[in-house]
Amino acid sequence: QVQLVESGGGLVQAGGSLRLSCVASELTFSRHIAGWFRQAPGEEREFVAAIRWSDRKAELVDSVKGRFTISRDNDKTVYLQMNSLKPEDTAVYYCAVRAGERLYRSPERYDYWGQGTQVTVSL
């Protein structure tokens, strides 16, 4: 059974940085999309970034462009580097994976999910 485990969340002051990691088990990445989503209290889960495993093509939501970067290693780990963090970035961040090569932003398109990691940005 595929499992995704996120790590790297925490409490940081505004302007600071965090690096989230997501490790997949029981999954060999090839034609897959790995994505990051976030959900703040009382809000819907929203797309943050996604990367196509085969060619590293990435998409990011406009609100994080220039501040966040999504990347992956050559094995089973996806990263979300978050710089210049703002209080509005506070949320639970989820890693997700879908089979296929099209980059979707809708959570419903993703097949596997991690348990989430809390990111809190203080003033």
N, C-alpha and C. Protein backbone atom coordinates (compact mmCIF):
# COMPACT_ATOMS: atom_id res chain seq x y z
N GLN A 1 0.85 -1.18 0.00
CA GLN A 1 0.00 0.00 0.00
C GLN A 1 0.89 1.24 0.00
N VAL A 2 0.55 2.18 -0.88
CA VAL A 2 1.35 3.39 -0.98
C VAL A 2 1.16 4.25 0.26
N GLN A 3 2.26 4.74 0.79
CA GLN A 3 2.20 5.67 1.91
C GLN A 3 3.06 6.88 1.60
N LEU A 4 2.54 8.04 1.96
CA LEU A 4 3.28 9.29 1.82
C LEU A 4 3.45 9.88 3.21
N VAL A 5 4.68 10.22 3.54
CA VAL A 5 4.96 10.76 4.87
C VAL A 5 5.63 12.11 4.73
N GLU A 6 4.96 13.14 5.24
CA GLU A 6 5.51 14.49 5.19
C GLU A 6 6.30 14.80 6.45
N SER A 7 7.23 15.70 6.33
CA SER A 7 7.98 16.20 7.48
C SER A 7 8.49 17.60 7.15
N GLY A 8 8.96 18.29 8.19
CA GLY A 8 9.57 19.60 7.97
C GLY A 8 8.73 20.78 8.38
N GLY A 9 7.49 20.53 8.78
CA GLY A 9 6.66 21.63 9.22
C GLY A 9 7.12 22.17 10.56
N GLY A 10 6.51 23.28 10.97
CA GLY A 10 6.87 23.86 12.25
C GLY A 10 6.39 25.29 12.36
N LEU A 11 6.91 25.95 13.38
CA LEU A 11 6.58 27.35 13.65
C LEU A 11 7.75 28.22 13.21
N VAL A 12 7.46 29.25 12.43
CA VAL A 12 8.50 30.13 11.93
C VAL A 12 7.97 31.56 11.91
N GLN A 13 8.86 32.51 12.06
CA GLN A 13 8.46 33.90 11.98
C GLN A 13 8.28 34.32 10.53
N ALA A 14 7.47 35.32 10.33
CA ALA A 14 7.27 35.86 8.98
C ALA A 14 8.62 36.26 8.39
N GLY A 15 8.78 35.90 7.12
CA GLY A 15 10.05 36.14 6.44
C GLY A 15 10.99 34.97 6.50
N GLY A 16 10.69 34.01 7.33
CA GLY A 16 11.54 32.84 7.48
C GLY A 16 11.31 31.79 6.41
N SER A 17 11.99 30.66 6.57
CA SER A 17 11.94 29.58 5.58
C SER A 17 11.71 28.24 6.25
N LEU A 18 11.10 27.35 5.51
CA LEU A 18 10.94 25.95 5.90
C LEU A 18 11.08 25.11 4.65
N ARG A 19 11.53 23.89 4.84
CA ARG A 19 11.59 22.93 3.74
C ARG A 19 10.80 21.70 4.11
N LEU A 20 9.74 21.46 3.38
CA LEU A 20 8.93 20.26 3.60
C LEU A 20 9.45 19.12 2.72
N SER A 21 9.38 17.92 3.28
CA SER A 21 9.75 16.73 2.53
C SER A 21 8.59 15.74 2.53
N CYS A 22 8.50 14.98 1.49
CA CYS A 22 7.48 13.94 1.38
C CYS A 22 8.14 12.70 0.81
N VAL A 23 8.14 11.64 1.58
CA VAL A 23 8.75 10.39 1.16
C VAL A 23 7.66 9.38 0.85
N ALA A 24 7.78 8.75 -0.29
CA ALA A 24 6.80 7.74 -0.71
C ALA A 24 7.35 6.34 -0.48
N SER A 25 6.49 5.47 0.00
CA SER A 25 6.87 4.07 0.13
C SER A 25 5.92 3.23 -0.72
N GLU A 26 6.41 2.07 -1.14
CA GLU A 26 5.63 1.16 -1.97
C GLU A 26 5.20 1.83 -3.27
N LEU A 27 6.02 2.72 -3.78
CA LEU A 27 5.70 3.40 -5.03
C LEU A 27 7.00 3.68 -5.76
N THR A 28 7.04 3.28 -7.02
CA THR A 28 8.17 3.60 -7.88
C THR A 28 7.72 4.70 -8.83
N PHE A 29 8.28 5.86 -8.66
CA PHE A 29 7.88 7.00 -9.46
C PHE A 29 8.34 6.82 -10.90
N SER A 30 7.41 7.05 -11.82
CA SER A 30 7.77 7.12 -13.25
C SER A 30 6.83 8.12 -13.90
N ARG A 31 5.66 7.65 -14.31
CA ARG A 31 4.64 8.55 -14.88
C ARG A 31 3.69 8.98 -13.77
N HIS A 32 4.17 9.90 -12.95
CA HIS A 32 3.40 10.37 -11.81
C HIS A 32 3.54 11.88 -11.67
N ILE A 33 2.57 12.43 -10.99
CA ILE A 33 2.60 13.82 -10.56
C ILE A 33 2.63 13.84 -9.04
N ALA A 34 3.53 14.61 -8.47
CA ALA A 34 3.56 14.79 -7.03
C ALA A 34 3.19 16.25 -6.73
N GLY A 35 2.30 16.42 -5.78
CA GLY A 35 1.82 17.76 -5.50
C GLY A 35 1.81 18.09 -4.02
N TRP A 36 1.73 19.38 -3.76
CA TRP A 36 1.55 19.88 -2.40
C TRP A 36 0.28 20.71 -2.36
N PHE A 37 -0.51 20.45 -1.33
CA PHE A 37 -1.74 21.19 -1.09
C PHE A 37 -1.68 21.72 0.34
N ARG A 38 -2.55 22.67 0.63
CA ARG A 38 -2.62 23.16 2.01
C ARG A 38 -4.07 23.46 2.38
N GLN A 39 -4.31 23.38 3.68
CA GLN A 39 -5.66 23.64 4.18
C GLN A 39 -5.57 24.40 5.49
N ALA A 40 -6.12 25.58 5.47
CA ALA A 40 -6.20 26.40 6.67
C ALA A 40 -7.52 26.11 7.38
N PRO A 41 -7.61 26.39 8.67
CA PRO A 41 -8.86 26.13 9.40
C PRO A 41 -10.04 26.85 8.75
N GLY A 42 -11.10 26.09 8.53
CA GLY A 42 -12.30 26.67 7.95
C GLY A 42 -12.24 26.91 6.46
N GLU A 43 -11.13 26.51 5.86
CA GLU A 43 -10.97 26.72 4.42
C GLU A 43 -10.94 25.39 3.68
N GLU A 44 -11.14 25.47 2.38
CA GLU A 44 -11.02 24.26 1.56
C GLU A 44 -9.53 23.99 1.28
N ARG A 45 -9.27 22.76 0.97
CA ARG A 45 -7.91 22.37 0.60
C ARG A 45 -7.57 23.02 -0.73
N GLU A 46 -6.41 23.66 -0.80
CA GLU A 46 -6.05 24.36 -2.01
C GLU A 46 -4.71 23.88 -2.56
N PHE A 47 -4.60 23.95 -3.87
CA PHE A 47 -3.38 23.58 -4.58
C PHE A 47 -2.28 24.59 -4.26
N VAL A 48 -1.07 24.07 -4.07
CA VAL A 48 0.10 24.92 -3.88
C VAL A 48 1.09 24.73 -5.01
N ALA A 49 1.47 23.48 -5.27
CA ALA A 49 2.48 23.22 -6.29
C ALA A 49 2.41 21.76 -6.71
N ALA A 50 2.90 21.49 -7.90
CA ALA A 50 2.98 20.11 -8.40
C ALA A 50 4.15 19.99 -9.35
N ILE A 51 4.67 18.78 -9.43
CA ILE A 51 5.80 18.51 -10.30
C ILE A 51 5.58 17.19 -11.03
N ARG A 52 5.90 17.18 -12.31
CA ARG A 52 5.80 15.95 -13.10
C ARG A 52 7.13 15.20 -12.94
N TRP A 53 7.00 13.97 -12.51
CA TRP A 53 8.20 13.23 -12.17
C TRP A 53 9.14 13.06 -13.36
N SER A 54 8.59 12.82 -14.55
CA SER A 54 9.42 12.44 -15.69
C SER A 54 10.34 13.56 -16.15
N ASP A 55 9.85 14.80 -16.17
CA ASP A 55 10.67 15.89 -16.71
C ASP A 55 10.82 17.07 -15.75
N ARG A 56 10.36 16.90 -14.56
CA ARG A 56 10.45 17.93 -13.51
C ARG A 56 9.69 19.21 -13.85
N LYS A 57 8.78 19.15 -14.79
CA LYS A 57 7.95 20.32 -15.08
C LYS A 57 7.10 20.63 -13.85
N ALA A 58 7.06 21.89 -13.46
CA ALA A 58 6.38 22.27 -12.22
C ALA A 58 5.37 23.37 -12.46
N GLU A 59 4.37 23.38 -11.59
CA GLU A 59 3.40 24.46 -11.54
C GLU A 59 3.23 24.91 -10.10
N LEU A 60 3.04 26.21 -9.93
CA LEU A 60 2.79 26.74 -8.60
C LEU A 60 1.63 27.71 -8.66
N VAL A 61 0.90 27.79 -7.58
CA VAL A 61 -0.16 28.77 -7.49
C VAL A 61 0.45 30.17 -7.45
N ASP A 62 -0.24 31.14 -7.99
CA ASP A 62 0.33 32.49 -8.11
C ASP A 62 0.79 33.07 -6.78
N SER A 63 0.06 32.76 -5.72
CA SER A 63 0.34 33.38 -4.43
C SER A 63 1.69 32.95 -3.84
N VAL A 64 2.28 31.89 -4.37
CA VAL A 64 3.57 31.43 -3.83
C VAL A 64 4.71 31.54 -4.84
N LYS A 65 4.40 31.94 -6.05
CA LYS A 65 5.46 32.07 -7.06
C LYS A 65 6.51 33.09 -6.60
N GLY A 66 7.77 32.71 -6.82
CA GLY A 66 8.86 33.58 -6.37
C GLY A 66 9.26 33.34 -4.93
N ARG A 67 8.44 32.59 -4.19
CA ARG A 67 8.76 32.29 -2.78
C ARG A 67 8.93 30.79 -2.54
N PHE A 68 8.13 29.97 -3.17
CA PHE A 68 8.17 28.51 -2.98
C PHE A 68 8.76 27.84 -4.21
N THR A 69 9.41 26.72 -3.97
CA THR A 69 9.95 25.90 -5.06
C THR A 69 9.63 24.44 -4.77
N ILE A 70 9.15 23.74 -5.78
CA ILE A 70 8.93 22.30 -5.66
C ILE A 70 10.01 21.58 -6.43
N SER A 71 10.51 20.50 -5.84
CA SER A 71 11.56 19.73 -6.50
C SER A 71 11.45 18.28 -6.05
N ARG A 72 12.21 17.43 -6.68
CA ARG A 72 12.22 16.03 -6.28
C ARG A 72 13.63 15.50 -6.43
N ASP A 73 13.90 14.41 -5.68
CA ASP A 73 15.21 13.80 -5.82
C ASP A 73 15.11 12.69 -6.86
N ASN A 74 16.11 11.86 -6.93
CA ASN A 74 16.12 10.80 -7.94
C ASN A 74 15.54 9.48 -7.42
N ASP A 75 14.87 9.56 -6.30
CA ASP A 75 14.36 8.32 -5.71
C ASP A 75 12.88 8.46 -5.38
N LYS A 76 12.54 8.83 -4.15
CA LYS A 76 11.15 8.81 -3.73
C LYS A 76 10.76 10.03 -2.90
N THR A 77 11.49 11.11 -2.99
CA THR A 77 11.22 12.25 -2.13
C THR A 77 10.89 13.50 -2.94
N VAL A 78 9.86 14.19 -2.50
CA VAL A 78 9.46 15.46 -3.09
C VAL A 78 9.64 16.53 -2.02
N TYR A 79 10.09 17.69 -2.44
CA TYR A 79 10.36 18.78 -1.51
C TYR A 79 9.52 20.00 -1.85
N LEU A 80 9.24 20.78 -0.83
CA LEU A 80 8.65 22.10 -1.03
C LEU A 80 9.48 23.07 -0.21
N GLN A 81 10.30 23.85 -0.89
CA GLN A 81 11.09 24.87 -0.23
C GLN A 81 10.26 26.13 -0.14
N MET A 82 10.08 26.61 1.07
CA MET A 82 9.22 27.77 1.29
C MET A 82 10.05 28.89 1.90
N ASN A 83 10.20 29.96 1.15
CA ASN A 83 10.95 31.13 1.62
C ASN A 83 10.01 32.32 1.77
N SER A 84 10.49 33.34 2.46
CA SER A 84 9.71 34.57 2.65
C SER A 84 8.29 34.25 3.11
N LEU A 85 8.19 33.41 4.09
CA LEU A 85 6.88 32.96 4.56
C LEU A 85 6.07 34.10 5.15
N LYS A 86 4.76 34.01 4.95
CA LYS A 86 3.82 35.01 5.42
C LYS A 86 2.82 34.35 6.36
N PRO A 87 2.20 35.11 7.23
CA PRO A 87 1.18 34.52 8.11
C PRO A 87 0.07 33.81 7.33
N GLU A 88 -0.26 34.31 6.16
CA GLU A 88 -1.31 33.68 5.37
C GLU A 88 -0.90 32.33 4.78
N ASP A 89 0.36 31.96 4.92
CA ASP A 89 0.80 30.63 4.51
C ASP A 89 0.52 29.57 5.59
N THR A 90 0.05 30.01 6.73
CA THR A 90 -0.25 29.09 7.83
C THR A 90 -1.35 28.12 7.42
N ALA A 91 -1.05 26.82 7.53
CA ALA A 91 -1.99 25.77 7.13
C ALA A 91 -1.37 24.42 7.43
N VAL A 92 -2.18 23.39 7.28
CA VAL A 92 -1.65 22.03 7.22
C VAL A 92 -1.30 21.77 5.76
N TYR A 93 -0.09 21.32 5.53
CA TYR A 93 0.38 21.05 4.18
C TYR A 93 0.38 19.56 3.93
N TYR A 94 -0.21 19.18 2.79
CA TYR A 94 -0.36 17.77 2.42
C TYR A 94 0.41 17.47 1.14
N CYS A 95 1.05 16.34 1.13
CA CYS A 95 1.66 15.81 -0.08
C CYS A 95 0.66 14.88 -0.74
N ALA A 96 0.64 14.87 -2.06
CA ALA A 96 -0.28 14.01 -2.79
C ALA A 96 0.38 13.53 -4.08
N VAL A 97 -0.04 12.38 -4.53
CA VAL A 97 0.52 11.80 -5.76
C VAL A 97 -0.62 11.28 -6.63
N ARG A 98 -0.48 11.49 -7.92
CA ARG A 98 -1.44 10.92 -8.85
C ARG A 98 -0.68 10.18 -9.95
N ALA A 99 -1.29 9.14 -10.47
CA ALA A 99 -0.73 8.42 -11.61
C ALA A 99 -1.11 9.16 -12.87
N GLY A 100 -0.17 9.23 -13.81
CA GLY A 100 -0.41 9.96 -15.04
C GLY A 100 0.56 11.12 -15.16
N GLU A 101 0.48 11.80 -16.28
CA GLU A 101 1.48 12.86 -16.54
C GLU A 101 0.86 14.25 -16.71
N ARG A 102 -0.43 14.37 -16.47
CA ARG A 102 -1.02 15.69 -16.59
C ARG A 102 -1.02 16.36 -15.23
N LEU A 103 -0.64 17.61 -15.22
CA LEU A 103 -0.59 18.37 -13.98
C LEU A 103 -1.96 18.95 -13.69
N TYR A 104 -2.60 18.41 -12.64
CA TYR A 104 -3.90 18.92 -12.22
C TYR A 104 -3.76 19.69 -10.92
N ARG A 105 -4.66 20.64 -10.73
CA ARG A 105 -4.68 21.41 -9.50
C ARG A 105 -5.80 20.99 -8.56
N SER A 106 -6.69 20.16 -9.04
CA SER A 106 -7.83 19.75 -8.23
C SER A 106 -7.45 18.60 -7.33
N PRO A 107 -7.73 18.69 -6.03
CA PRO A 107 -7.40 17.58 -5.10
C PRO A 107 -8.05 16.26 -5.51
N GLU A 108 -9.21 16.33 -6.13
CA GLU A 108 -9.92 15.11 -6.50
C GLU A 108 -9.16 14.28 -7.51
N ARG A 109 -8.21 14.88 -8.19
CA ARG A 109 -7.45 14.18 -9.22
C ARG A 109 -6.31 13.35 -8.64
N TYR A 110 -6.06 13.47 -7.37
CA TYR A 110 -4.91 12.80 -6.77
C TYR A 110 -5.32 11.52 -6.08
N ASP A 111 -4.45 10.52 -6.18
CA ASP A 111 -4.79 9.17 -5.73
C ASP A 111 -4.33 8.87 -4.30
N TYR A 112 -3.22 9.43 -3.91
CA TYR A 112 -2.63 9.11 -2.61
C TYR A 112 -2.33 10.41 -1.86
N TRP A 113 -2.50 10.34 -0.53
CA TRP A 113 -2.30 11.50 0.31
C TRP A 113 -1.50 11.16 1.55
N GLY A 114 -0.70 12.13 1.99
CA GLY A 114 -0.04 12.00 3.27
C GLY A 114 -0.95 12.49 4.39
N GLN A 115 -0.43 12.42 5.60
CA GLN A 115 -1.23 12.77 6.77
C GLN A 115 -1.19 14.27 7.07
N GLY A 116 -0.28 14.98 6.45
CA GLY A 116 -0.19 16.42 6.62
C GLY A 116 0.84 16.84 7.65
N THR A 117 1.36 18.03 7.47
CA THR A 117 2.30 18.60 8.43
C THR A 117 1.94 20.07 8.64
N GLN A 118 1.92 20.49 9.88
CA GLN A 118 1.47 21.85 10.21
C GLN A 118 2.59 22.86 9.97
N VAL A 119 2.22 23.93 9.29
CA VAL A 119 3.11 25.08 9.12
C VAL A 119 2.42 26.29 9.73
N THR A 120 3.09 26.93 10.67
CA THR A 120 2.54 28.11 11.33
C THR A 120 3.54 29.25 11.19
N VAL A 121 3.06 30.35 10.64
CA VAL A 121 3.92 31.52 10.43
C VAL A 121 3.41 32.65 11.32
N SER A 122 4.24 33.10 12.22
CA SER A 122 3.85 34.16 13.15
C SER A 122 4.39 35.50 12.68
N LEU A 123 3.75 36.55 13.18
CA LEU A 123 4.18 37.91 12.83
C LEU A 123 5.50 38.25 13.50
